[in-house]
Amino acid sequence: MRANEGAMTSIIPFIGNAMFEAADIKLMSEAYNKAMEDVYAFGRPNGIVGKIIGTRIISLTLGGERDLDRLREGALAACGFTLDGTH
């Protein structure tokens, strides 16, 4: 199922040993889903793209970021995408 087909994907598979509050996991999952929707707009990405996006969102959150748009933007930038639709 594609990320933009309505089912929310959890960030949990990418967390590893890190500890987060439930609200942070929800925020990270939402940022992950929005970033994946953006990536799917360009076509079907390979599996590593999702892993890079998930890992980057977790890294940013561990660094203190809690803004959904900045998490999404940072994750997309890690894969060479921007919110303005270029890559």
N, C-alpha and C. Protein backbone atom coordinates (compact mmCIF):
# COMPACT_ATOMS: atom_id res chain seq x y z
N MET A 1 0.85 -1.18 0.00
CA MET A 1 0.00 0.00 0.00
C MET A 1 0.89 1.25 0.00
N ARG A 2 0.57 2.19 -0.84
CA ARG A 2 1.32 3.44 -0.88
C ARG A 2 0.99 4.31 0.31
N ALA A 3 1.96 5.13 0.71
CA ALA A 3 1.78 5.98 1.89
C ALA A 3 0.62 6.94 1.74
N ASN A 4 0.29 7.33 0.52
CA ASN A 4 -0.76 8.32 0.34
C ASN A 4 -2.12 7.69 0.08
N GLU A 5 -2.29 6.42 0.38
CA GLU A 5 -3.57 5.77 0.17
C GLU A 5 -4.41 5.69 1.45
N GLY A 6 -4.07 6.50 2.44
CA GLY A 6 -4.93 6.61 3.60
C GLY A 6 -4.47 5.90 4.85
N ALA A 7 -3.67 4.87 4.76
CA ALA A 7 -3.22 4.17 5.97
C ALA A 7 -1.98 4.85 6.51
N MET A 8 -2.03 5.19 7.80
CA MET A 8 -0.89 5.86 8.41
C MET A 8 0.15 4.83 8.80
N THR A 9 1.38 5.07 8.37
CA THR A 9 2.49 4.20 8.70
C THR A 9 3.17 4.72 9.94
N SER A 10 3.56 3.82 10.81
CA SER A 10 4.21 4.21 12.04
C SER A 10 5.71 4.35 11.85
N ILE A 11 6.31 5.22 12.60
CA ILE A 11 7.75 5.43 12.60
C ILE A 11 8.45 4.36 13.45
N ILE A 12 7.70 3.60 14.23
CA ILE A 12 8.24 2.67 15.20
C ILE A 12 9.31 1.73 14.63
N PRO A 13 9.16 1.19 13.42
CA PRO A 13 10.22 0.28 12.93
C PRO A 13 11.60 0.93 12.81
N PHE A 14 11.66 2.25 12.79
CA PHE A 14 12.93 2.95 12.62
C PHE A 14 13.54 3.44 13.95
N ILE A 15 12.80 3.32 15.04
CA ILE A 15 13.23 3.91 16.31
C ILE A 15 14.42 3.21 16.94
N GLY A 16 14.48 1.91 16.87
CA GLY A 16 15.58 1.19 17.51
C GLY A 16 15.49 1.27 19.02
N ASN A 17 16.59 1.66 19.68
CA ASN A 17 16.65 1.71 21.13
C ASN A 17 16.27 3.06 21.72
N ALA A 18 15.96 4.04 20.91
CA ALA A 18 15.60 5.37 21.41
C ALA A 18 14.27 5.32 22.15
N MET A 19 14.12 6.22 23.11
CA MET A 19 12.89 6.30 23.89
C MET A 19 12.19 7.63 23.58
N PHE A 20 10.90 7.56 23.29
CA PHE A 20 10.11 8.75 22.98
C PHE A 20 8.77 8.68 23.69
N GLU A 21 8.21 9.84 23.96
CA GLU A 21 6.85 9.95 24.48
C GLU A 21 5.88 9.58 23.36
N ALA A 22 4.68 9.15 23.73
CA ALA A 22 3.67 8.77 22.74
C ALA A 22 3.36 9.93 21.79
N ALA A 23 3.32 11.16 22.31
CA ALA A 23 3.03 12.32 21.45
C ALA A 23 4.14 12.52 20.42
N ASP A 24 5.38 12.25 20.79
CA ASP A 24 6.49 12.38 19.84
C ASP A 24 6.40 11.32 18.75
N ILE A 25 6.03 10.11 19.13
CA ILE A 25 5.89 9.04 18.14
C ILE A 25 4.78 9.38 17.16
N LYS A 26 3.69 9.93 17.67
CA LYS A 26 2.59 10.34 16.78
C LYS A 26 3.05 11.43 15.82
N LEU A 27 3.76 12.43 16.34
CA LEU A 27 4.27 13.53 15.51
C LEU A 27 5.24 13.00 14.46
N MET A 28 6.17 12.15 14.87
CA MET A 28 7.15 11.60 13.93
C MET A 28 6.47 10.75 12.86
N SER A 29 5.46 9.98 13.25
CA SER A 29 4.73 9.16 12.28
C SER A 29 4.01 10.04 11.27
N GLU A 30 3.43 11.13 11.75
CA GLU A 30 2.74 12.05 10.84
C GLU A 30 3.73 12.71 9.89
N ALA A 31 4.87 13.13 10.40
CA ALA A 31 5.91 13.73 9.55
C ALA A 31 6.40 12.71 8.53
N TYR A 32 6.59 11.48 8.96
CA TYR A 32 7.03 10.40 8.05
C TYR A 32 6.02 10.20 6.93
N ASN A 33 4.75 10.11 7.29
CA ASN A 33 3.73 9.89 6.28
C ASN A 33 3.64 11.05 5.29
N LYS A 34 3.71 12.26 5.78
CA LYS A 34 3.65 13.42 4.89
C LYS A 34 4.87 13.46 3.97
N ALA A 35 6.04 13.16 4.50
CA ALA A 35 7.25 13.13 3.67
C ALA A 35 7.15 12.04 2.61
N MET A 36 6.63 10.88 2.99
CA MET A 36 6.50 9.78 2.02
C MET A 36 5.46 10.13 0.94
N GLU A 37 4.41 10.84 1.30
CA GLU A 37 3.44 11.29 0.30
C GLU A 37 4.13 12.19 -0.72
N ASP A 38 5.00 13.08 -0.23
CA ASP A 38 5.74 13.96 -1.13
C ASP A 38 6.65 13.15 -2.06
N VAL A 39 7.32 12.15 -1.52
CA VAL A 39 8.22 11.32 -2.33
C VAL A 39 7.42 10.54 -3.36
N TYR A 40 6.28 9.99 -2.97
CA TYR A 40 5.45 9.22 -3.90
C TYR A 40 4.92 10.09 -5.05
N ALA A 41 4.88 11.39 -4.87
CA ALA A 41 4.46 12.28 -5.95
C ALA A 41 5.43 12.21 -7.13
N PHE A 42 6.67 11.80 -6.85
CA PHE A 42 7.68 11.67 -7.91
C PHE A 42 7.74 10.27 -8.50
N GLY A 43 7.09 9.31 -7.87
CA GLY A 43 7.13 7.92 -8.32
C GLY A 43 7.31 7.00 -7.13
N ARG A 44 7.46 5.74 -7.40
CA ARG A 44 7.60 4.76 -6.33
C ARG A 44 9.07 4.65 -5.91
N PRO A 45 9.38 5.08 -4.67
CA PRO A 45 10.77 5.04 -4.21
C PRO A 45 11.18 3.62 -3.80
N ASN A 46 12.48 3.37 -3.80
CA ASN A 46 12.94 2.08 -3.29
C ASN A 46 12.90 2.11 -1.76
N GLY A 47 13.10 0.97 -1.13
CA GLY A 47 12.96 0.85 0.32
C GLY A 47 13.92 1.71 1.12
N ILE A 48 15.08 1.99 0.59
CA ILE A 48 16.06 2.77 1.34
C ILE A 48 15.59 4.21 1.58
N VAL A 49 14.78 4.73 0.68
CA VAL A 49 14.27 6.10 0.84
C VAL A 49 13.44 6.21 2.11
N GLY A 50 12.55 5.27 2.33
CA GLY A 50 11.74 5.28 3.54
C GLY A 50 12.58 5.17 4.80
N LYS A 51 13.62 4.36 4.74
CA LYS A 51 14.52 4.21 5.89
C LYS A 51 15.28 5.50 6.16
N ILE A 52 15.77 6.15 5.11
CA ILE A 52 16.49 7.42 5.28
C ILE A 52 15.57 8.47 5.88
N ILE A 53 14.35 8.56 5.37
CA ILE A 53 13.39 9.54 5.87
C ILE A 53 13.06 9.26 7.34
N GLY A 54 12.78 8.01 7.67
CA GLY A 54 12.46 7.65 9.05
C GLY A 54 13.62 7.94 9.99
N THR A 55 14.81 7.57 9.59
CA THR A 55 15.99 7.79 10.41
C THR A 55 16.27 9.27 10.62
N ARG A 56 16.09 10.06 9.58
CA ARG A 56 16.33 11.50 9.69
C ARG A 56 15.32 12.17 10.61
N ILE A 57 14.06 11.78 10.53
CA ILE A 57 13.02 12.34 11.40
C ILE A 57 13.36 12.01 12.85
N ILE A 58 13.78 10.79 13.12
CA ILE A 58 14.15 10.41 14.48
C ILE A 58 15.35 11.22 14.96
N SER A 59 16.34 11.38 14.11
CA SER A 59 17.52 12.16 14.47
C SER A 59 17.16 13.60 14.80
N LEU A 60 16.33 14.20 13.99
CA LEU A 60 15.90 15.58 14.23
C LEU A 60 15.11 15.69 15.54
N THR A 61 14.25 14.72 15.79
CA THR A 61 13.46 14.73 17.02
C THR A 61 14.36 14.55 18.24
N LEU A 62 15.33 13.67 18.15
CA LEU A 62 16.29 13.50 19.25
C LEU A 62 17.06 14.80 19.50
N GLY A 63 17.25 15.58 18.44
CA GLY A 63 17.93 16.87 18.57
C GLY A 63 17.04 17.98 19.09
N GLY A 64 15.77 17.67 19.35
CA GLY A 64 14.87 18.65 19.95
C GLY A 64 13.82 19.23 19.02
N GLU A 65 13.85 18.89 17.75
CA GLU A 65 12.87 19.44 16.80
C GLU A 65 11.50 18.82 17.06
N ARG A 66 10.47 19.66 17.11
CA ARG A 66 9.10 19.18 17.30
C ARG A 66 8.12 19.82 16.33
N ASP A 67 8.63 20.52 15.32
CA ASP A 67 7.77 21.15 14.32
C ASP A 67 7.58 20.17 13.16
N LEU A 68 6.33 19.85 12.87
CA LEU A 68 6.00 18.87 11.83
C LEU A 68 6.62 19.24 10.49
N ASP A 69 6.47 20.49 10.08
CA ASP A 69 6.98 20.89 8.77
C ASP A 69 8.51 20.84 8.69
N ARG A 70 9.19 21.20 9.78
CA ARG A 70 10.65 21.14 9.78
C ARG A 70 11.14 19.70 9.80
N LEU A 71 10.44 18.82 10.49
CA LEU A 71 10.79 17.40 10.47
C LEU A 71 10.66 16.85 9.05
N ARG A 72 9.54 17.16 8.44
CA ARG A 72 9.27 16.70 7.07
C ARG A 72 10.31 17.26 6.10
N GLU A 73 10.57 18.54 6.18
CA GLU A 73 11.52 19.18 5.28
C GLU A 73 12.93 18.62 5.46
N GLY A 74 13.33 18.42 6.71
CA GLY A 74 14.66 17.86 6.97
C GLY A 74 14.79 16.44 6.45
N ALA A 75 13.74 15.66 6.58
CA ALA A 75 13.76 14.28 6.08
C ALA A 75 13.83 14.26 4.56
N LEU A 76 13.07 15.11 3.91
CA LEU A 76 13.11 15.17 2.45
C LEU A 76 14.47 15.63 1.95
N ALA A 77 15.06 16.60 2.65
CA ALA A 77 16.37 17.11 2.25
C ALA A 77 17.43 16.02 2.33
N ALA A 78 17.29 15.11 3.28
CA ALA A 78 18.24 14.00 3.41
C ALA A 78 18.23 13.10 2.19
N CYS A 79 17.14 13.14 1.43
CA CYS A 79 17.02 12.34 0.21
C CYS A 79 17.16 13.18 -1.06
N GLY A 80 17.46 14.45 -0.87
CA GLY A 80 17.64 15.32 -2.03
C GLY A 80 16.37 15.96 -2.56
N PHE A 81 15.27 15.88 -1.79
CA PHE A 81 14.02 16.50 -2.20
C PHE A 81 13.80 17.80 -1.44
N THR A 82 13.00 18.69 -2.03
CA THR A 82 12.60 19.91 -1.37
C THR A 82 11.08 20.02 -1.41
N LEU A 83 10.51 20.83 -0.53
CA LEU A 83 9.06 21.00 -0.50
C LEU A 83 8.52 21.75 -1.71
N ASP A 84 9.40 22.41 -2.46
CA ASP A 84 8.91 23.13 -3.65
C ASP A 84 8.78 22.21 -4.86
N GLY A 85 9.00 20.90 -4.65
CA GLY A 85 8.78 19.93 -5.71
C GLY A 85 10.01 19.61 -6.54
N THR A 86 11.15 20.15 -6.22
CA THR A 86 12.34 19.83 -6.98
C THR A 86 13.10 18.70 -6.30
N HIS A 87 13.91 18.03 -7.07
CA HIS A 87 14.78 16.99 -6.52
C HIS A 87 16.04 16.86 -7.31
